[in-house]
Amino acid sequence: MIVTELVSGVFTMALDQLIQTRYGAPGALALILIGVGVKARSASCASVGAVILVLLMTQA
């Protein structure tokens, strides 16, 4: 259980750093929106974050 949480935390931090270095502040905002949407079970919030992230990925 603790190993799973540790691996999940490391993966999340690595993904966050990758997105921030490649896409900057809008990428971080998109990840925050996705995270808040998942935790709050708000499909619209998570969808907005996913759309922002996809738009950033297609521009680069």
PDB file of N, CA and C in Angstrom:
ATOM      1  N   MET A   1       0.828  -1.183   0.000  1.00  0.00           N
ATOM      2  CA  MET A   1       0.000   0.000   0.000  1.00  0.00           C
ATOM      3  C   MET A   1       0.877   1.252   0.000  1.00  0.00           C
ATOM      4  N   ILE A   2       1.880   1.281   0.840  1.00  0.00           N
ATOM      5  CA  ILE A   2       2.751   2.444   0.919  1.00  0.00           C
ATOM      6  C   ILE A   2       3.592   2.551  -0.350  1.00  0.00           C
ATOM      7  N   VAL A   3       4.017   1.424  -0.887  1.00  0.00           N
ATOM      8  CA  VAL A   3       4.814   1.429  -2.114  1.00  0.00           C
ATOM      9  C   VAL A   3       3.982   1.973  -3.270  1.00  0.00           C
ATOM     10  N   THR A   4       2.719   1.601  -3.342  1.00  0.00           N
ATOM     11  CA  THR A   4       1.842   2.103  -4.393  1.00  0.00           C
ATOM     12  C   THR A   4       1.677   3.609  -4.298  1.00  0.00           C
ATOM     13  N   GLU A   5       1.485   4.128  -3.106  1.00  0.00           N
ATOM     14  CA  GLU A   5       1.353   5.572  -2.918  1.00  0.00           C
ATOM     15  C   GLU A   5       2.642   6.292  -3.269  1.00  0.00           C
ATOM     16  N   LEU A   6       3.783   5.704  -2.914  1.00  0.00           N
ATOM     17  CA  LEU A   6       5.071   6.305  -3.225  1.00  0.00           C
ATOM     18  C   LEU A   6       5.298   6.356  -4.733  1.00  0.00           C
ATOM     19  N   VAL A   7       5.027   5.260  -5.417  1.00  0.00           N
ATOM     20  CA  VAL A   7       5.199   5.220  -6.872  1.00  0.00           C
ATOM     21  C   VAL A   7       4.241   6.203  -7.549  1.00  0.00           C
ATOM     22  N   SER A   8       3.019   6.270  -7.065  1.00  0.00           N
ATOM     23  CA  SER A   8       2.043   7.202  -7.618  1.00  0.00           C
ATOM     24  C   SER A   8       2.487   8.652  -7.420  1.00  0.00           C
ATOM     25  N   GLY A   9       3.009   8.957  -6.250  1.00  0.00           N
ATOM     26  CA  GLY A   9       3.494  10.315  -5.981  1.00  0.00           C
ATOM     27  C   GLY A   9       4.682  10.696  -6.851  1.00  0.00           C
ATOM     28  N   VAL A  10       5.607   9.773  -7.022  1.00  0.00           N
ATOM     29  CA  VAL A  10       6.780  10.044  -7.867  1.00  0.00           C
ATOM     30  C   VAL A  10       6.346  10.228  -9.317  1.00  0.00           C
ATOM     31  N   PHE A  11       5.443   9.386  -9.799  1.00  0.00           N
ATOM     32  CA  PHE A  11       4.949   9.513 -11.164  1.00  0.00           C
ATOM     33  C   PHE A  11       4.246  10.853 -11.368  1.00  0.00           C
ATOM     34  N   THR A  12       3.434  11.256 -10.405  1.00  0.00           N
ATOM     35  CA  THR A  12       2.713  12.524 -10.503  1.00  0.00           C
ATOM     36  C   THR A  12       3.676  13.705 -10.527  1.00  0.00           C
ATOM     37  N   MET A  13       4.677  13.677  -9.672  1.00  0.00           N
ATOM     38  CA  MET A  13       5.651  14.771  -9.636  1.00  0.00           C
ATOM     39  C   MET A  13       6.454  14.828 -10.925  1.00  0.00           C
ATOM     40  N   ALA A  14       6.832  13.689 -11.466  1.00  0.00           N
ATOM     41  CA  ALA A  14       7.596  13.659 -12.713  1.00  0.00           C
ATOM     42  C   ALA A  14       6.751  14.181 -13.880  1.00  0.00           C
ATOM     43  N   LEU A  15       5.492  13.779 -13.937  1.00  0.00           N
ATOM     44  CA  LEU A  15       4.605  14.261 -14.986  1.00  0.00           C
ATOM     45  C   LEU A  15       4.392  15.766 -14.867  1.00  0.00           C
ATOM     46  N   ASP A  16       4.223  16.252 -13.656  1.00  0.00           N
ATOM     47  CA  ASP A  16       4.040  17.686 -13.427  1.00  0.00           C
ATOM     48  C   ASP A  16       5.264  18.473 -13.895  1.00  0.00           C
ATOM     49  N   GLN A  17       6.458  18.001 -13.571  1.00  0.00           N
ATOM     50  CA  GLN A  17       7.678  18.686 -13.997  1.00  0.00           C
ATOM     51  C   GLN A  17       7.827  18.667 -15.510  1.00  0.00           C
ATOM     52  N   LEU A  18       7.501  17.551 -16.134  1.00  0.00           N
ATOM     53  CA  LEU A  18       7.582  17.446 -17.588  1.00  0.00           C
ATOM     54  C   LEU A  18       6.634  18.436 -18.257  1.00  0.00           C
ATOM     55  N   ILE A  19       5.414  18.498 -17.780  1.00  0.00           N
ATOM     56  CA  ILE A  19       4.422  19.408 -18.359  1.00  0.00           C
ATOM     57  C   ILE A  19       4.841  20.855 -18.139  1.00  0.00           C
ATOM     58  N   GLN A  20       5.324  21.185 -16.944  1.00  0.00           N
ATOM     59  CA  GLN A  20       5.714  22.572 -16.665  1.00  0.00           C
ATOM     60  C   GLN A  20       6.903  23.006 -17.497  1.00  0.00           C
ATOM     61  N   THR A  21       7.890  22.138 -17.689  1.00  0.00           N
ATOM     62  CA  THR A  21       9.052  22.545 -18.465  1.00  0.00           C
ATOM     63  C   THR A  21       8.728  22.636 -19.950  1.00  0.00           C
ATOM     64  N   ARG A  22       7.807  21.819 -20.421  1.00  0.00           N
ATOM     65  CA  ARG A  22       7.511  21.821 -21.851  1.00  0.00           C
ATOM     66  C   ARG A  22       6.417  22.823 -22.224  1.00  0.00           C
ATOM     67  N   TYR A  23       5.402  22.979 -21.386  1.00  0.00           N
ATOM     68  CA  TYR A  23       4.246  23.800 -21.749  1.00  0.00           C
ATOM     69  C   TYR A  23       4.039  25.007 -20.840  1.00  0.00           C
ATOM     70  N   GLY A  24       4.823  25.169 -19.797  1.00  0.00           N
ATOM     71  CA  GLY A  24       4.767  26.353 -18.953  1.00  0.00           C
ATOM     72  C   GLY A  24       3.545  26.412 -18.047  1.00  0.00           C
ATOM     73  N   ALA A  25       3.149  27.625 -17.728  1.00  0.00           N
ATOM     74  CA  ALA A  25       2.049  27.855 -16.797  1.00  0.00           C
ATOM     75  C   ALA A  25       0.705  27.314 -17.304  1.00  0.00           C
ATOM     76  N   PRO A  26       0.375  27.464 -18.581  1.00  0.00           N
ATOM     77  CA  PRO A  26      -0.902  26.884 -19.034  1.00  0.00           C
ATOM     78  C   PRO A  26      -0.959  25.364 -18.855  1.00  0.00           C
ATOM     79  N   GLY A  27       0.170  24.694 -19.008  1.00  0.00           N
ATOM     80  CA  GLY A  27       0.206  23.252 -18.787  1.00  0.00           C
ATOM     81  C   GLY A  27      -0.045  22.897 -17.327  1.00  0.00           C
ATOM     82  N   ALA A  28       0.539  23.690 -16.438  1.00  0.00           N
ATOM     83  CA  ALA A  28       0.312  23.467 -15.009  1.00  0.00           C
ATOM     84  C   ALA A  28      -1.147  23.724 -14.650  1.00  0.00           C
ATOM     85  N   LEU A  29      -1.729  24.764 -15.237  1.00  0.00           N
ATOM     86  CA  LEU A  29      -3.141  25.059 -14.998  1.00  0.00           C
ATOM     87  C   LEU A  29      -4.024  23.913 -15.494  1.00  0.00           C
ATOM     88  N   ALA A  30      -3.683  23.356 -16.648  1.00  0.00           N
ATOM     89  CA  ALA A  30      -4.460  22.232 -17.181  1.00  0.00           C
ATOM     90  C   ALA A  30      -4.391  21.028 -16.246  1.00  0.00           C
ATOM     91  N   LEU A  31      -3.187  20.734 -15.720  1.00  0.00           N
ATOM     92  CA  LEU A  31      -3.064  19.607 -14.788  1.00  0.00           C
ATOM     93  C   LEU A  31      -3.843  19.852 -13.502  1.00  0.00           C
ATOM     94  N   ILE A  32      -3.828  21.086 -13.017  1.00  0.00           N
ATOM     95  CA  ILE A  32      -4.594  21.420 -11.812  1.00  0.00           C
ATOM     96  C   ILE A  32      -6.081  21.229 -12.070  1.00  0.00           C
ATOM     97  N   LEU A  33      -6.560  21.697 -13.227  1.00  0.00           N
ATOM     98  CA  LEU A  33      -7.979  21.528 -13.554  1.00  0.00           C
ATOM     99  C   LEU A  33      -8.365  20.057 -13.661  1.00  0.00           C
ATOM    100  N   ILE A  34      -7.510  19.269 -14.257  1.00  0.00           N
ATOM    101  CA  ILE A  34      -7.795  17.831 -14.362  1.00  0.00           C
ATOM    102  C   ILE A  34      -7.831  17.207 -12.973  1.00  0.00           C
ATOM    103  N   GLY A  35      -6.866  17.546 -12.127  1.00  0.00           N
ATOM    104  CA  GLY A  35      -6.832  16.993 -10.774  1.00  0.00           C
ATOM    105  C   GLY A  35      -8.037  17.391  -9.944  1.00  0.00           C
ATOM    106  N   VAL A  36      -8.411  18.661 -10.009  1.00  0.00           N
ATOM    107  CA  VAL A  36      -9.578  19.137  -9.258  1.00  0.00           C
ATOM    108  C   VAL A  36     -10.842  18.491  -9.798  1.00  0.00           C
ATOM    109  N   GLY A  37     -10.933  18.360 -11.105  1.00  0.00           N
ATOM    110  CA  GLY A  37     -12.114  17.737 -11.697  1.00  0.00           C
ATOM    111  C   GLY A  37     -12.275  16.291 -11.299  1.00  0.00           C
ATOM    112  N   VAL A  38     -11.177  15.559 -11.227  1.00  0.00           N
ATOM    113  CA  VAL A  38     -11.240  14.156 -10.826  1.00  0.00           C
ATOM    114  C   VAL A  38     -11.616  14.036  -9.357  1.00  0.00           C
ATOM    115  N   LYS A  39     -10.986  14.858  -8.508  1.00  0.00           N
ATOM    116  CA  LYS A  39     -11.292  14.762  -7.076  1.00  0.00           C
ATOM    117  C   LYS A  39     -12.710  15.204  -6.753  1.00  0.00           C
ATOM    118  N   ALA A  40     -13.197  16.231  -7.455  1.00  0.00           N
ATOM    119  CA  ALA A  40     -14.544  16.729  -7.196  1.00  0.00           C
ATOM    120  C   ALA A  40     -15.596  15.981  -8.012  1.00  0.00           C
ATOM    121  N   ARG A  41     -15.151  15.042  -8.837  1.00  0.00           N
ATOM    122  CA  ARG A  41     -16.029  14.290  -9.730  1.00  0.00           C
ATOM    123  C   ARG A  41     -16.834  15.229 -10.632  1.00  0.00           C
ATOM    124  N   SER A  42     -16.131  16.245 -11.122  1.00  0.00           N
ATOM    125  CA  SER A  42     -16.730  17.209 -12.027  1.00  0.00           C
ATOM    126  C   SER A  42     -16.187  16.943 -13.425  1.00  0.00           C
ATOM    127  N   ALA A  43     -17.035  16.394 -14.263  1.00  0.00           N
ATOM    128  CA  ALA A  43     -16.612  16.051 -15.619  1.00  0.00           C
ATOM    129  C   ALA A  43     -16.284  17.296 -16.437  1.00  0.00           C
ATOM    130  N   SER A  44     -17.002  18.385 -16.208  1.00  0.00           N
ATOM    131  CA  SER A  44     -16.751  19.593 -16.994  1.00  0.00           C
ATOM    132  C   SER A  44     -15.392  20.198 -16.650  1.00  0.00           C
ATOM    133  N   CYS A  45     -15.028  20.206 -15.395  1.00  0.00           N
ATOM    134  CA  CYS A  45     -13.738  20.754 -14.976  1.00  0.00           C
ATOM    135  C   CYS A  45     -12.592  19.902 -15.523  1.00  0.00           C
ATOM    136  N   ALA A  46     -12.708  18.608 -15.423  1.00  0.00           N
ATOM    137  CA  ALA A  46     -11.675  17.715 -15.945  1.00  0.00           C
ATOM    138  C   ALA A  46     -11.598  17.806 -17.463  1.00  0.00           C
ATOM    139  N   SER A  47     -12.735  17.971 -18.118  1.00  0.00           N
ATOM    140  CA  SER A  47     -12.749  18.083 -19.572  1.00  0.00           C
ATOM    141  C   SER A  47     -12.075  19.365 -20.045  1.00  0.00           C
ATOM    142  N   VAL A  48     -12.317  20.460 -19.353  1.00  0.00           N
ATOM    143  CA  VAL A  48     -11.675  21.727 -19.713  1.00  0.00           C
ATOM    144  C   VAL A  48     -10.164  21.603 -19.571  1.00  0.00           C
ATOM    145  N   GLY A  49      -9.705  20.996 -18.502  1.00  0.00           N
ATOM    146  CA  GLY A  49      -8.275  20.790 -18.315  1.00  0.00           C
ATOM    147  C   GLY A  49      -7.683  19.904 -19.388  1.00  0.00           C
ATOM    148  N   ALA A  50      -8.401  18.851 -19.761  1.00  0.00           N
ATOM    149  CA  ALA A  50      -7.916  17.948 -20.805  1.00  0.00           C
ATOM    150  C   ALA A  50      -7.869  18.641 -22.157  1.00  0.00           C
ATOM    151  N   VAL A  51      -8.859  19.467 -22.450  1.00  0.00           N
ATOM    152  CA  VAL A  51      -8.876  20.191 -23.723  1.00  0.00           C
ATOM    153  C   VAL A  51      -7.717  21.177 -23.791  1.00  0.00           C
ATOM    154  N   ILE A  52      -7.461  21.886 -22.706  1.00  0.00           N
ATOM    155  CA  ILE A  52      -6.326  22.823 -22.668  1.00  0.00           C
ATOM    156  C   ILE A  52      -5.021  22.068 -22.901  1.00  0.00           C
ATOM    157  N   LEU A  53      -4.859  20.945 -22.234  1.00  0.00           N
ATOM    158  CA  LEU A  53      -3.636  20.154 -22.388  1.00  0.00           C
ATOM    159  C   LEU A  53      -3.481  19.630 -23.820  1.00  0.00           C
ATOM    160  N   VAL A  54      -4.545  19.183 -24.421  1.00  0.00           N
ATOM    161  CA  VAL A  54      -4.487  18.694 -25.799  1.00  0.00           C
ATOM    162  C   VAL A  54      -4.151  19.837 -26.758  1.00  0.00           C
ATOM    163  N   LEU A  55      -4.747  21.000 -26.539  1.00  0.00           N
ATOM    164  CA  LEU A  55      -4.433  22.153 -27.394  1.00  0.00           C
ATOM    165  C   LEU A  55      -2.972  22.546 -27.281  1.00  0.00           C
ATOM    166  N   LEU A  56      -2.431  22.498 -26.071  1.00  0.00           N
ATOM    167  CA  LEU A  56      -1.010  22.817 -25.899  1.00  0.00           C
ATOM    168  C   LEU A  56      -0.126  21.790 -26.590  1.00  0.00           C
ATOM    169  N   MET A  57      -0.522  20.533 -26.528  1.00  0.00           N
ATOM    170  CA  MET A  57       0.286  19.472 -27.143  1.00  0.00           C
ATOM    171  C   MET A  57       0.249  19.547 -28.657  1.00  0.00           C
ATOM    172  N   THR A  58      -0.863  19.948 -29.239  1.00  0.00           N
ATOM    173  CA  THR A  58      -0.952  20.007 -30.689  1.00  0.00           C
ATOM    174  C   THR A  58      -0.243  21.229 -31.264  1.00  0.00           C
ATOM    175  N   GLN A  59      -0.030  22.261 -30.480  1.00  0.00           N
ATOM    176  CA  GLN A  59       0.665  23.450 -30.947  1.00  0.00           C
ATOM    177  C   GLN A  59       2.172  23.262 -30.980  1.00  0.00           C
ATOM    178  N   ALA A  60       2.699  22.416 -30.117  1.00  0.00           N
ATOM    179  CA  ALA A  60       4.154  22.284 -30.003  1.00  0.00           C
ATOM    180  C   ALA A  60       4.764  21.453 -31.076  1.00  0.00           C
TER     181      ALA A  60
END
